[in-house]
Amino acid sequence: MTEYPQRPFAVPPDATELVLVRHGATAHAVPGRPFALTDGHGDPPLAPAGEAQARAVADRLDGDAEAVLFTSGLLRTNQTAAPLAARLGQTPAEIPALREVLLGEWEGGELRVRMAHRDPLARRVLAEERWDVIPGAEPAETFAARLRAGVDEVVARVGPGGRAIVFVHGGVVGELGRQATESRPFAFAHADNGSITRLVVFADGRWLLRSFNDIAHLG
């Protein structure tokens, strides 16, 4: 009698796996002292806690010598990638299309301050699940298309059967999770600093969210 055991999932040989790492915790936001901007994006460095998270990520992923490393190009993703890049002997490629959502008038740490104070408009952002409630913020459709193009660029660079480790941002993880699952906008918008999320892009263009917000390595 032929038997068919259950088998673990395996990424098809013509698919590409993206291991999405949210950057480590950044420097504290201080009212009246905004973070420096890079191309309009707030660009803070990692805090000591974020540096420890980056080392933990490296401990978790340093056995993946065949993976190709990418960052968004912002300081916090570059610093989070640095320990793993040193171990693997790689210089990560920068994909600016995978930078965080532009927050308009609330860039430079202002969003964090207003969320902490439960600003009425900040509460609307969460209730309506749209970043572009914020004055001057990037429209949801523009952000979605930009990230789609960024994923396409990573897949094109890595190729079928390849694996990419991509250091990105919380809003990016959330939007990619939404696109993969066709969920409500902020269903995946709360990935922890230093967390790992796995996305599979099939050869026919379909996406599969394999895991979300894995923090087992953070203790």
Protein backbone atom coordinates (compact mmCIF):
# COMPACT_ATOMS: atom_id res chain seq x y z
CA MET A 1 0.00 0.00 0.00
CA THR A 2 1.36 3.37 -1.00
CA GLU A 3 1.59 5.86 1.88
CA TYR A 4 1.84 9.63 1.71
CA PRO A 5 3.31 11.23 4.85
CA GLN A 6 2.92 14.89 5.64
CA ARG A 7 5.97 16.85 4.57
CA PRO A 8 7.35 20.22 5.63
CA PHE A 9 7.05 23.11 3.22
CA ALA A 10 9.97 23.54 0.83
CA VAL A 11 10.53 26.64 -1.28
CA PRO A 12 10.11 25.58 -4.93
CA PRO A 13 13.35 25.64 -6.94
CA ASP A 14 12.04 28.37 -9.23
CA ALA A 15 10.83 30.62 -6.38
CA THR A 16 12.73 33.25 -4.37
CA GLU A 17 12.66 33.57 -0.59
CA LEU A 18 12.94 36.97 1.09
CA VAL A 19 13.93 36.96 4.75
CA LEU A 20 12.73 40.36 5.95
CA VAL A 21 14.49 41.72 9.04
CA ARG A 22 13.09 44.77 10.75
CA HIS A 23 15.92 47.05 11.87
CA GLY A 24 16.91 47.24 15.52
CA ALA A 25 15.57 49.81 17.96
CA THR A 26 16.73 53.33 17.16
CA ALA A 27 17.77 56.37 19.17
CA HIS A 28 15.03 57.90 21.31
CA ALA A 29 12.86 60.60 19.81
CA VAL A 30 13.11 63.92 21.67
CA PRO A 31 10.55 66.71 21.11
CA GLY A 32 12.13 69.68 19.37
CA ARG A 33 15.22 67.69 18.30
CA PRO A 34 14.21 65.90 15.09
CA PHE A 35 16.34 63.17 13.59
CA ALA A 36 18.46 64.03 10.56
CA LEU A 37 16.75 63.43 7.22
CA THR A 38 18.01 61.48 4.22
CA ASP A 39 15.98 62.07 1.04
CA GLY A 40 13.12 63.20 3.25
CA HIS A 41 13.20 60.14 5.50
CA GLY A 42 14.04 60.35 9.20
CA ASP A 43 17.42 58.65 9.54
CA PRO A 44 18.27 57.92 13.19
CA PRO A 45 21.06 55.55 14.26
CA LEU A 46 20.53 52.44 16.33
CA ALA A 47 20.26 52.69 20.09
CA PRO A 48 22.41 50.31 22.20
CA ALA A 49 19.38 48.00 22.42
CA GLY A 50 19.18 48.00 18.63
CA GLU A 51 22.86 47.13 18.33
CA ALA A 52 22.27 44.13 20.60
CA GLN A 53 19.31 43.08 18.43
CA ALA A 54 21.51 43.34 15.33
CA ARG A 55 24.03 40.96 16.91
CA ALA A 56 21.24 38.54 17.79
CA VAL A 57 20.02 38.61 14.19
CA ALA A 58 23.55 37.79 13.04
CA ASP A 59 23.69 34.85 15.47
CA ARG A 60 20.39 33.58 14.07
CA LEU A 61 21.21 33.93 10.37
CA ASP A 62 24.97 33.52 10.04
CA GLY A 63 24.63 29.93 8.82
CA ASP A 64 22.93 31.17 5.66
CA ALA A 65 26.12 31.80 3.70
CA GLU A 66 24.42 31.58 0.28
CA ALA A 67 21.91 34.33 0.99
CA VAL A 68 22.35 37.75 -0.62
CA LEU A 69 22.09 40.75 1.70
CA PHE A 70 20.13 43.94 1.02
CA THR A 71 19.23 47.05 3.01
CA SER A 72 16.98 50.03 2.40
CA GLY A 73 20.04 52.28 2.52
CA LEU A 74 18.90 54.16 5.61
CA LEU A 75 21.32 54.19 8.54
CA ARG A 76 19.30 51.96 10.85
CA THR A 77 19.02 49.16 8.29
CA ASN A 78 22.70 49.42 7.35
CA GLN A 79 23.72 49.24 11.01
CA THR A 80 21.42 46.30 11.68
CA ALA A 81 22.85 44.42 8.69
CA ALA A 82 26.47 45.17 9.61
CA PRO A 83 27.16 42.28 12.04
CA LEU A 84 25.76 39.66 9.66
CA ALA A 85 27.46 41.25 6.65
CA ALA A 86 30.81 41.08 8.45
CA ARG A 87 30.35 37.40 9.24
CA LEU A 88 29.31 36.53 5.69
CA GLY A 89 31.92 38.75 4.07
CA GLN A 90 29.35 40.70 2.08
CA THR A 91 28.61 44.33 1.35
CA PRO A 92 24.81 44.60 1.27
CA ALA A 93 23.21 46.13 -1.79
CA GLU A 94 20.94 49.12 -1.14
CA ILE A 95 17.37 49.15 -2.45
CA PRO A 96 15.98 52.66 -1.80
CA ALA A 97 12.52 51.56 -2.99
CA LEU A 98 12.26 49.55 0.25
CA ARG A 99 12.63 52.55 2.56
CA GLU A 100 10.01 53.33 5.19
CA VAL A 101 6.80 55.15 4.31
CA LEU A 102 7.36 58.89 4.04
CA LEU A 103 5.59 60.61 6.92
CA GLY A 104 5.42 64.16 5.60
CA GLU A 105 5.16 66.69 8.43
CA TRP A 106 5.71 63.94 11.01
CA GLU A 107 9.14 62.80 9.86
CA GLY A 108 12.19 62.88 12.10
CA GLY A 109 10.59 61.23 15.13
CA GLU A 110 7.42 63.34 15.33
CA LEU A 111 5.20 60.31 14.73
CA ARG A 112 6.65 58.54 17.76
CA VAL A 113 6.10 61.56 19.97
CA ARG A 114 2.52 62.08 18.82
CA MET A 115 1.67 58.40 19.21
CA ALA A 116 3.01 58.46 22.77
CA HIS A 117 0.78 61.44 23.57
CA ARG A 118 -2.26 59.87 21.83
CA ASP A 119 -2.58 62.81 19.48
CA PRO A 120 -6.09 62.77 17.91
CA LEU A 121 -4.67 62.66 14.39
CA ALA A 122 -2.31 59.84 15.36
CA ARG A 123 -5.33 57.93 16.63
CA ARG A 124 -6.98 58.50 13.26
CA VAL A 125 -3.97 56.97 11.52
CA LEU A 126 -4.54 53.76 13.50
CA ALA A 127 -8.32 53.81 13.22
CA GLU A 128 -8.36 54.41 9.46
CA GLU A 129 -5.19 52.36 8.83
CA ARG A 130 -3.71 54.93 6.47
CA TRP A 131 -0.39 56.69 6.89
CA ASP A 132 -1.51 59.43 4.52
CA VAL A 133 -3.90 60.80 7.15
CA ILE A 134 -0.69 62.61 8.22
CA PRO A 135 -0.23 65.92 6.36
CA GLY A 136 2.16 65.45 3.46
CA ALA A 137 2.59 61.72 4.01
CA GLU A 138 3.07 59.28 1.16
CA PRO A 139 -0.22 58.05 -0.34
CA ALA A 140 -0.98 54.40 0.40
CA GLU A 141 -1.14 53.46 -3.27
CA THR A 142 2.23 55.10 -3.98
CA PHE A 143 3.85 53.34 -1.03
CA ALA A 144 2.42 49.98 -2.11
CA ALA A 145 3.65 50.35 -5.69
CA ARG A 146 7.10 51.48 -4.55
CA LEU A 147 7.53 48.44 -2.32
CA ARG A 148 6.30 46.11 -5.04
CA ALA A 149 8.98 47.51 -7.32
CA GLY A 150 11.57 47.04 -4.57
CA VAL A 151 10.65 43.38 -4.12
CA ASP A 152 10.78 42.88 -7.88
CA GLU A 153 14.29 44.36 -7.90
CA VAL A 154 15.47 42.02 -5.15
CA VAL A 155 13.96 39.00 -6.90
CA ALA A 156 15.58 39.99 -10.20
CA ARG A 157 18.99 40.34 -8.55
CA VAL A 158 18.81 37.07 -6.60
CA GLY A 159 17.17 34.93 -9.25
CA PRO A 160 15.09 31.73 -9.08
CA GLY A 161 16.00 29.43 -6.22
CA GLY A 162 17.83 32.19 -4.38
CA ARG A 163 17.40 33.62 -0.92
CA ALA A 164 17.69 37.28 0.08
CA ILE A 165 18.04 38.69 3.58
CA VAL A 166 16.54 42.16 3.41
CA PHE A 167 16.89 44.68 6.25
CA VAL A 168 13.87 46.95 6.18
CA HIS A 169 11.34 48.84 8.33
CA GLY A 170 8.19 48.14 10.32
CA GLY A 171 5.89 49.87 7.86
CA VAL A 172 7.52 47.99 5.00
CA VAL A 173 7.03 44.62 6.68
CA GLY A 174 3.42 45.57 7.34
CA GLU A 175 2.68 46.61 3.77
CA LEU A 176 4.37 43.55 2.26
CA GLY A 177 2.37 41.34 4.60
CA ARG A 178 -0.79 43.10 3.46
CA GLN A 179 0.05 42.58 -0.18
CA ALA A 180 0.91 38.91 0.31
CA THR A 181 -2.32 38.14 2.17
CA GLU A 182 -4.71 40.80 0.82
CA SER A 183 -5.47 41.67 4.43
CA ARG A 184 -6.67 44.91 5.93
CA PRO A 185 -3.97 47.64 5.70
CA PHE A 186 -2.40 47.46 9.18
CA ALA A 187 -2.89 43.76 9.95
CA PHE A 188 0.91 43.24 9.87
CA ALA A 189 2.02 46.74 10.84
CA HIS A 190 3.46 45.91 14.26
CA ALA A 191 6.58 43.81 13.66
CA ASP A 192 9.07 44.05 16.53
CA ASN A 193 12.54 45.53 16.15
CA GLY A 194 14.95 42.80 15.10
CA SER A 195 12.14 40.44 14.08
CA ILE A 196 12.23 38.11 11.08
CA THR A 197 9.43 37.67 8.53
CA ARG A 198 9.64 35.27 5.59
CA LEU A 199 8.10 35.93 2.19
CA VAL A 200 8.19 33.57 -0.80
CA VAL A 201 7.79 34.96 -4.32
CA PHE A 202 6.75 32.25 -6.77
CA ALA A 203 7.79 32.18 -10.41
CA ASP A 204 4.28 33.10 -11.52
CA GLY A 205 4.37 36.27 -9.38
CA ARG A 206 2.25 35.05 -6.45
CA TRP A 207 3.45 35.82 -2.92
CA LEU A 208 3.26 33.59 0.16
CA LEU A 209 3.75 34.94 3.68
CA ARG A 210 5.51 32.02 5.41
CA SER A 211 6.04 33.59 8.83
CA PHE A 212 5.68 36.93 10.58
CA ASN A 213 7.46 38.60 13.51
CA ASP A 214 9.72 35.72 14.54
CA ILE A 215 11.60 36.96 17.64
CA ALA A 216 12.87 33.62 19.03
CA HIS A 217 16.46 34.82 18.68
CA LEU A 218 15.84 37.92 20.79
CA GLY A 219 15.35 36.02 24.05
